[in-house]
Amino acid sequence: MDKERKTRLHGGGINVDNALERFMGNEAMLERYLKKFLDEKSYVQLVEAITADDREGAGVAVHTLKSVCGTLGCEAMHRLVVRQEQHIRAGEWDEAVRMMTSVTDAYKSICAVLQE
């Protein structure tokens, strides 16, 4: 992975250095998993659950999304979904729903940089 790619990924909200630590420095493996993020279903499931007022489904989806973001170094989105999961677990549904705009913005930013 060249320096320019790392800079672009960082600009899209991905901390490549931290992610590489979790991937034992294997850049090729990290790249494969970053590409898989584009097909990750947990974000879509979260949107669907929020739209359907499915609090249990949203809790499952946000928990999965939190794990994926943490593993891949998507730090800004990870922080958002950690807070969103906390709101869901605390029964603060309206706050969890309000967070979707920020979560969606972070998701789109990551997807945009991954599709470059």
N, C-alpha and C. Protein backbone atom coordinates (compact mmCIF):
# COMPACT_ATOMS: atom_id res chain seq x y z
N MET A 1 0.86 -1.17 0.00
CA MET A 1 0.00 0.00 0.00
C MET A 1 0.91 1.23 0.00
N ASP A 2 0.72 2.08 -0.99
CA ASP A 2 1.59 3.24 -1.07
C ASP A 2 1.12 4.36 -0.14
N LYS A 3 1.98 5.34 0.03
CA LYS A 3 1.71 6.44 0.96
C LYS A 3 0.47 7.23 0.55
N GLU A 4 0.29 7.42 -0.76
CA GLU A 4 -0.87 8.16 -1.26
C GLU A 4 -2.17 7.44 -0.89
N ARG A 5 -2.19 6.13 -1.04
CA ARG A 5 -3.38 5.34 -0.68
C ARG A 5 -3.66 5.47 0.81
N LYS A 6 -2.62 5.37 1.62
CA LYS A 6 -2.79 5.50 3.07
C LYS A 6 -3.35 6.88 3.42
N THR A 7 -2.85 7.91 2.75
CA THR A 7 -3.33 9.27 3.01
C THR A 7 -4.80 9.41 2.63
N ARG A 8 -5.18 8.85 1.48
CA ARG A 8 -6.59 8.90 1.07
C ARG A 8 -7.48 8.16 2.05
N LEU A 9 -7.04 6.97 2.47
CA LEU A 9 -7.83 6.19 3.43
C LEU A 9 -7.98 6.95 4.74
N HIS A 10 -6.91 7.56 5.19
CA HIS A 10 -6.96 8.33 6.43
C HIS A 10 -7.95 9.48 6.29
N GLY A 11 -7.93 10.15 5.13
CA GLY A 11 -8.87 11.24 4.88
C GLY A 11 -10.32 10.78 4.87
N GLY A 12 -10.53 9.52 4.54
CA GLY A 12 -11.88 8.96 4.53
C GLY A 12 -12.32 8.41 5.88
N GLY A 13 -11.45 8.53 6.89
CA GLY A 13 -11.82 8.10 8.23
C GLY A 13 -11.26 6.76 8.66
N ILE A 14 -10.24 6.27 7.96
CA ILE A 14 -9.66 4.97 8.29
C ILE A 14 -8.24 5.16 8.81
N ASN A 15 -7.98 4.71 10.01
CA ASN A 15 -6.64 4.77 10.58
C ASN A 15 -5.90 3.50 10.16
N VAL A 16 -5.17 3.62 9.08
CA VAL A 16 -4.50 2.47 8.48
C VAL A 16 -3.48 1.86 9.42
N ASP A 17 -2.71 2.69 10.11
CA ASP A 17 -1.68 2.17 11.01
C ASP A 17 -2.28 1.30 12.11
N ASN A 18 -3.37 1.76 12.71
CA ASN A 18 -4.02 0.96 13.75
C ASN A 18 -4.61 -0.33 13.19
N ALA A 19 -5.21 -0.21 12.01
CA ALA A 19 -5.78 -1.41 11.37
C ALA A 19 -4.68 -2.42 11.05
N LEU A 20 -3.55 -1.92 10.56
CA LEU A 20 -2.45 -2.83 10.22
C LEU A 20 -1.93 -3.57 11.44
N GLU A 21 -1.98 -2.95 12.60
CA GLU A 21 -1.58 -3.65 13.83
C GLU A 21 -2.47 -4.87 14.04
N ARG A 22 -3.76 -4.70 13.82
CA ARG A 22 -4.69 -5.82 14.00
C ARG A 22 -4.51 -6.89 12.93
N PHE A 23 -3.97 -6.49 11.77
CA PHE A 23 -3.73 -7.42 10.67
C PHE A 23 -2.27 -7.85 10.61
N MET A 24 -1.57 -7.69 11.72
CA MET A 24 -0.18 -8.11 11.85
C MET A 24 0.70 -7.57 10.72
N GLY A 25 0.42 -6.34 10.29
CA GLY A 25 1.22 -5.70 9.27
C GLY A 25 0.96 -6.18 7.85
N ASN A 26 0.00 -7.06 7.68
CA ASN A 26 -0.29 -7.64 6.36
C ASN A 26 -1.19 -6.69 5.56
N GLU A 27 -0.57 -5.85 4.73
CA GLU A 27 -1.31 -4.86 3.96
C GLU A 27 -2.27 -5.49 2.96
N ALA A 28 -1.85 -6.58 2.32
CA ALA A 28 -2.73 -7.24 1.34
C ALA A 28 -4.00 -7.75 2.01
N MET A 29 -3.86 -8.31 3.20
CA MET A 29 -5.04 -8.81 3.91
C MET A 29 -5.95 -7.65 4.31
N LEU A 30 -5.35 -6.56 4.79
CA LEU A 30 -6.16 -5.39 5.15
C LEU A 30 -6.92 -4.88 3.93
N GLU A 31 -6.26 -4.79 2.80
CA GLU A 31 -6.92 -4.32 1.58
C GLU A 31 -8.10 -5.22 1.22
N ARG A 32 -7.93 -6.54 1.35
CA ARG A 32 -9.04 -7.47 1.05
C ARG A 32 -10.23 -7.20 1.97
N TYR A 33 -9.95 -7.00 3.25
CA TYR A 33 -11.04 -6.76 4.19
C TYR A 33 -11.67 -5.39 4.01
N LEU A 34 -10.87 -4.41 3.62
CA LEU A 34 -11.45 -3.09 3.34
C LEU A 34 -12.41 -3.18 2.15
N LYS A 35 -12.06 -3.95 1.14
CA LYS A 35 -12.96 -4.13 -0.01
C LYS A 35 -14.26 -4.82 0.42
N LYS A 36 -14.15 -5.74 1.37
CA LYS A 36 -15.34 -6.44 1.85
C LYS A 36 -16.28 -5.51 2.60
N PHE A 37 -15.74 -4.40 3.14
CA PHE A 37 -16.58 -3.44 3.85
C PHE A 37 -17.70 -2.94 2.95
N LEU A 38 -17.41 -2.79 1.67
CA LEU A 38 -18.41 -2.29 0.73
C LEU A 38 -19.60 -3.22 0.61
N ASP A 39 -19.42 -4.50 0.92
CA ASP A 39 -20.51 -5.48 0.85
C ASP A 39 -21.05 -5.85 2.24
N GLU A 40 -20.50 -5.23 3.28
CA GLU A 40 -20.92 -5.52 4.65
C GLU A 40 -22.40 -5.15 4.82
N LYS A 41 -23.17 -6.06 5.34
CA LYS A 41 -24.62 -5.89 5.42
C LYS A 41 -25.09 -5.18 6.69
N SER A 42 -24.24 -5.05 7.68
CA SER A 42 -24.71 -4.53 8.97
C SER A 42 -25.18 -3.07 8.89
N TYR A 43 -24.56 -2.26 8.04
CA TYR A 43 -25.03 -0.87 7.90
C TYR A 43 -26.45 -0.86 7.32
N VAL A 44 -26.66 -1.60 6.25
CA VAL A 44 -27.99 -1.68 5.62
C VAL A 44 -29.01 -2.22 6.62
N GLN A 45 -28.63 -3.23 7.38
CA GLN A 45 -29.52 -3.79 8.39
C GLN A 45 -29.85 -2.76 9.47
N LEU A 46 -28.86 -1.94 9.83
CA LEU A 46 -29.12 -0.88 10.82
C LEU A 46 -30.12 0.13 10.27
N VAL A 47 -29.92 0.56 9.05
CA VAL A 47 -30.85 1.51 8.43
C VAL A 47 -32.26 0.92 8.39
N GLU A 48 -32.36 -0.31 7.96
CA GLU A 48 -33.68 -0.96 7.88
C GLU A 48 -34.33 -1.08 9.25
N ALA A 49 -33.55 -1.45 10.25
CA ALA A 49 -34.10 -1.61 11.60
C ALA A 49 -34.55 -0.26 12.18
N ILE A 50 -33.75 0.76 11.97
CA ILE A 50 -34.13 2.09 12.45
C ILE A 50 -35.41 2.55 11.76
N THR A 51 -35.48 2.35 10.46
CA THR A 51 -36.66 2.75 9.68
C THR A 51 -37.91 2.00 10.14
N ALA A 52 -37.74 0.73 10.49
CA ALA A 52 -38.87 -0.10 10.91
C ALA A 52 -39.16 0.00 12.40
N ASP A 53 -38.41 0.85 13.11
CA ASP A 53 -38.56 1.00 14.56
C ASP A 53 -38.31 -0.34 15.27
N ASP A 54 -37.39 -1.11 14.72
CA ASP A 54 -37.02 -2.42 15.26
C ASP A 54 -35.80 -2.24 16.18
N ARG A 55 -36.06 -2.04 17.44
CA ARG A 55 -34.98 -1.73 18.39
C ARG A 55 -34.04 -2.91 18.60
N GLU A 56 -34.59 -4.10 18.65
CA GLU A 56 -33.74 -5.28 18.82
C GLU A 56 -32.85 -5.49 17.59
N GLY A 57 -33.43 -5.39 16.42
CA GLY A 57 -32.67 -5.54 15.18
C GLY A 57 -31.59 -4.47 15.05
N ALA A 58 -31.93 -3.24 15.46
CA ALA A 58 -30.95 -2.16 15.41
C ALA A 58 -29.80 -2.44 16.37
N GLY A 59 -30.11 -2.99 17.53
CA GLY A 59 -29.07 -3.32 18.49
C GLY A 59 -28.10 -4.37 17.97
N VAL A 60 -28.63 -5.37 17.29
CA VAL A 60 -27.78 -6.41 16.72
C VAL A 60 -26.93 -5.83 15.59
N ALA A 61 -27.56 -5.07 14.71
CA ALA A 61 -26.85 -4.51 13.56
C ALA A 61 -25.76 -3.54 13.98
N VAL A 62 -26.06 -2.66 14.93
CA VAL A 62 -25.06 -1.67 15.35
C VAL A 62 -23.90 -2.35 16.08
N HIS A 63 -24.18 -3.42 16.79
CA HIS A 63 -23.11 -4.15 17.47
C HIS A 63 -22.15 -4.78 16.45
N THR A 64 -22.70 -5.37 15.41
CA THR A 64 -21.88 -5.95 14.35
C THR A 64 -21.09 -4.86 13.64
N LEU A 65 -21.75 -3.77 13.31
CA LEU A 65 -21.09 -2.67 12.62
C LEU A 65 -19.96 -2.09 13.47
N LYS A 66 -20.18 -2.01 14.76
CA LYS A 66 -19.16 -1.52 15.68
C LYS A 66 -17.91 -2.40 15.60
N SER A 67 -18.09 -3.68 15.58
CA SER A 67 -16.96 -4.62 15.50
C SER A 67 -16.21 -4.47 14.19
N VAL A 68 -16.94 -4.38 13.09
CA VAL A 68 -16.32 -4.25 11.78
C VAL A 68 -15.51 -2.95 11.71
N CYS A 69 -16.12 -1.86 12.14
CA CYS A 69 -15.43 -0.56 12.10
C CYS A 69 -14.19 -0.56 12.99
N GLY A 70 -14.29 -1.15 14.14
CA GLY A 70 -13.14 -1.22 15.03
C GLY A 70 -12.00 -2.02 14.44
N THR A 71 -12.32 -3.13 13.84
CA THR A 71 -11.30 -3.99 13.25
C THR A 71 -10.60 -3.31 12.09
N LEU A 72 -11.35 -2.60 11.26
CA LEU A 72 -10.80 -2.00 10.05
C LEU A 72 -10.22 -0.60 10.27
N GLY A 73 -10.27 -0.11 11.49
CA GLY A 73 -9.69 1.21 11.77
C GLY A 73 -10.56 2.37 11.35
N CYS A 74 -11.85 2.13 11.16
CA CYS A 74 -12.78 3.21 10.79
C CYS A 74 -13.16 3.94 12.08
N GLU A 75 -12.23 4.72 12.58
CA GLU A 75 -12.33 5.24 13.94
C GLU A 75 -13.47 6.21 14.16
N ALA A 76 -13.68 7.16 13.27
CA ALA A 76 -14.77 8.12 13.47
C ALA A 76 -16.12 7.42 13.48
N MET A 77 -16.31 6.52 12.53
CA MET A 77 -17.58 5.78 12.49
C MET A 77 -17.69 4.85 13.69
N HIS A 78 -16.59 4.27 14.10
CA HIS A 78 -16.59 3.39 15.27
C HIS A 78 -17.06 4.16 16.50
N ARG A 79 -16.53 5.36 16.70
CA ARG A 79 -16.95 6.17 17.86
C ARG A 79 -18.45 6.45 17.80
N LEU A 80 -18.95 6.75 16.61
CA LEU A 80 -20.38 7.03 16.46
C LEU A 80 -21.24 5.82 16.80
N VAL A 81 -20.89 4.66 16.26
CA VAL A 81 -21.74 3.50 16.49
C VAL A 81 -21.60 2.97 17.92
N VAL A 82 -20.48 3.21 18.56
CA VAL A 82 -20.36 2.88 19.99
C VAL A 82 -21.38 3.70 20.77
N ARG A 83 -21.44 5.00 20.50
CA ARG A 83 -22.41 5.86 21.19
C ARG A 83 -23.84 5.47 20.84
N GLN A 84 -24.06 5.15 19.57
CA GLN A 84 -25.40 4.77 19.15
C GLN A 84 -25.84 3.48 19.85
N GLU A 85 -24.93 2.53 19.94
CA GLU A 85 -25.26 1.29 20.64
C GLU A 85 -25.58 1.57 22.11
N GLN A 86 -24.84 2.45 22.73
CA GLN A 86 -25.11 2.81 24.12
C GLN A 86 -26.50 3.41 24.28
N HIS A 87 -26.89 4.27 23.34
CA HIS A 87 -28.23 4.86 23.39
C HIS A 87 -29.30 3.79 23.22
N ILE A 88 -29.09 2.87 22.32
CA ILE A 88 -30.07 1.80 22.10
C ILE A 88 -30.20 0.96 23.36
N ARG A 89 -29.08 0.56 23.94
CA ARG A 89 -29.12 -0.27 25.15
C ARG A 89 -29.75 0.45 26.34
N ALA A 90 -29.59 1.78 26.38
CA ALA A 90 -30.14 2.56 27.49
C ALA A 90 -31.61 2.92 27.26
N GLY A 91 -32.17 2.49 26.13
CA GLY A 91 -33.56 2.81 25.84
C GLY A 91 -33.75 4.22 25.31
N GLU A 92 -32.68 4.84 24.88
CA GLU A 92 -32.73 6.21 24.35
C GLU A 92 -32.87 6.15 22.83
N TRP A 93 -33.99 5.62 22.40
CA TRP A 93 -34.22 5.33 20.99
C TRP A 93 -34.17 6.58 20.12
N ASP A 94 -34.82 7.65 20.58
CA ASP A 94 -34.86 8.87 19.77
C ASP A 94 -33.45 9.40 19.50
N GLU A 95 -32.58 9.32 20.49
CA GLU A 95 -31.20 9.78 20.30
C GLU A 95 -30.46 8.86 19.33
N ALA A 96 -30.70 7.57 19.43
CA ALA A 96 -30.07 6.62 18.51
C ALA A 96 -30.53 6.89 17.07
N VAL A 97 -31.79 7.19 16.90
CA VAL A 97 -32.33 7.50 15.57
C VAL A 97 -31.71 8.79 15.05
N ARG A 98 -31.60 9.81 15.89
CA ARG A 98 -31.01 11.09 15.47
C ARG A 98 -29.56 10.92 15.00
N MET A 99 -28.87 9.95 15.54
CA MET A 99 -27.46 9.75 15.18
C MET A 99 -27.28 9.19 13.77
N MET A 100 -28.34 8.71 13.16
CA MET A 100 -28.22 8.07 11.85
C MET A 100 -27.65 9.01 10.78
N THR A 101 -27.93 10.29 10.86
CA THR A 101 -27.37 11.22 9.88
C THR A 101 -25.85 11.20 9.95
N SER A 102 -25.31 11.27 11.14
CA SER A 102 -23.85 11.25 11.31
C SER A 102 -23.26 9.90 10.93
N VAL A 103 -23.94 8.83 11.31
CA VAL A 103 -23.47 7.48 10.97
C VAL A 103 -23.47 7.31 9.45
N THR A 104 -24.50 7.77 8.79
CA THR A 104 -24.59 7.67 7.33
C THR A 104 -23.50 8.49 6.66
N ASP A 105 -23.25 9.69 7.15
CA ASP A 105 -22.19 10.52 6.58
C ASP A 105 -20.84 9.82 6.70
N ALA A 106 -20.56 9.24 7.85
CA ALA A 106 -19.29 8.53 8.06
C ALA A 106 -19.21 7.31 7.13
N TYR A 107 -20.30 6.59 7.01
CA TYR A 107 -20.34 5.41 6.14
C TYR A 107 -20.07 5.79 4.69
N LYS A 108 -20.72 6.84 4.22
CA LYS A 108 -20.53 7.28 2.84
C LYS A 108 -19.09 7.74 2.60
N SER A 109 -18.51 8.40 3.57
CA SER A 109 -17.12 8.83 3.44
C SER A 109 -16.17 7.66 3.29
N ILE A 110 -16.39 6.64 4.10
CA ILE A 110 -15.54 5.43 4.03
C ILE A 110 -15.74 4.74 2.69
N CYS A 111 -16.98 4.57 2.29
CA CYS A 111 -17.26 3.89 1.00
C CYS A 111 -16.66 4.67 -0.16
N ALA A 112 -16.74 5.98 -0.13
CA ALA A 112 -16.21 6.79 -1.22
C ALA A 112 -14.70 6.58 -1.36
N VAL A 113 -13.99 6.59 -0.26
CA VAL A 113 -12.54 6.43 -0.33
C VAL A 113 -12.17 5.00 -0.72
N LEU A 114 -12.97 4.04 -0.33
CA LEU A 114 -12.68 2.65 -0.70
C LEU A 114 -12.95 2.39 -2.18
N GLN A 115 -13.84 3.15 -2.77
CA GLN A 115 -14.19 2.95 -4.17
C GLN A 115 -13.26 3.69 -5.13
N GLU A 116 -12.35 4.49 -4.59
CA GLU A 116 -11.41 5.23 -5.45
C GLU A 116 -10.47 4.29 -6.15
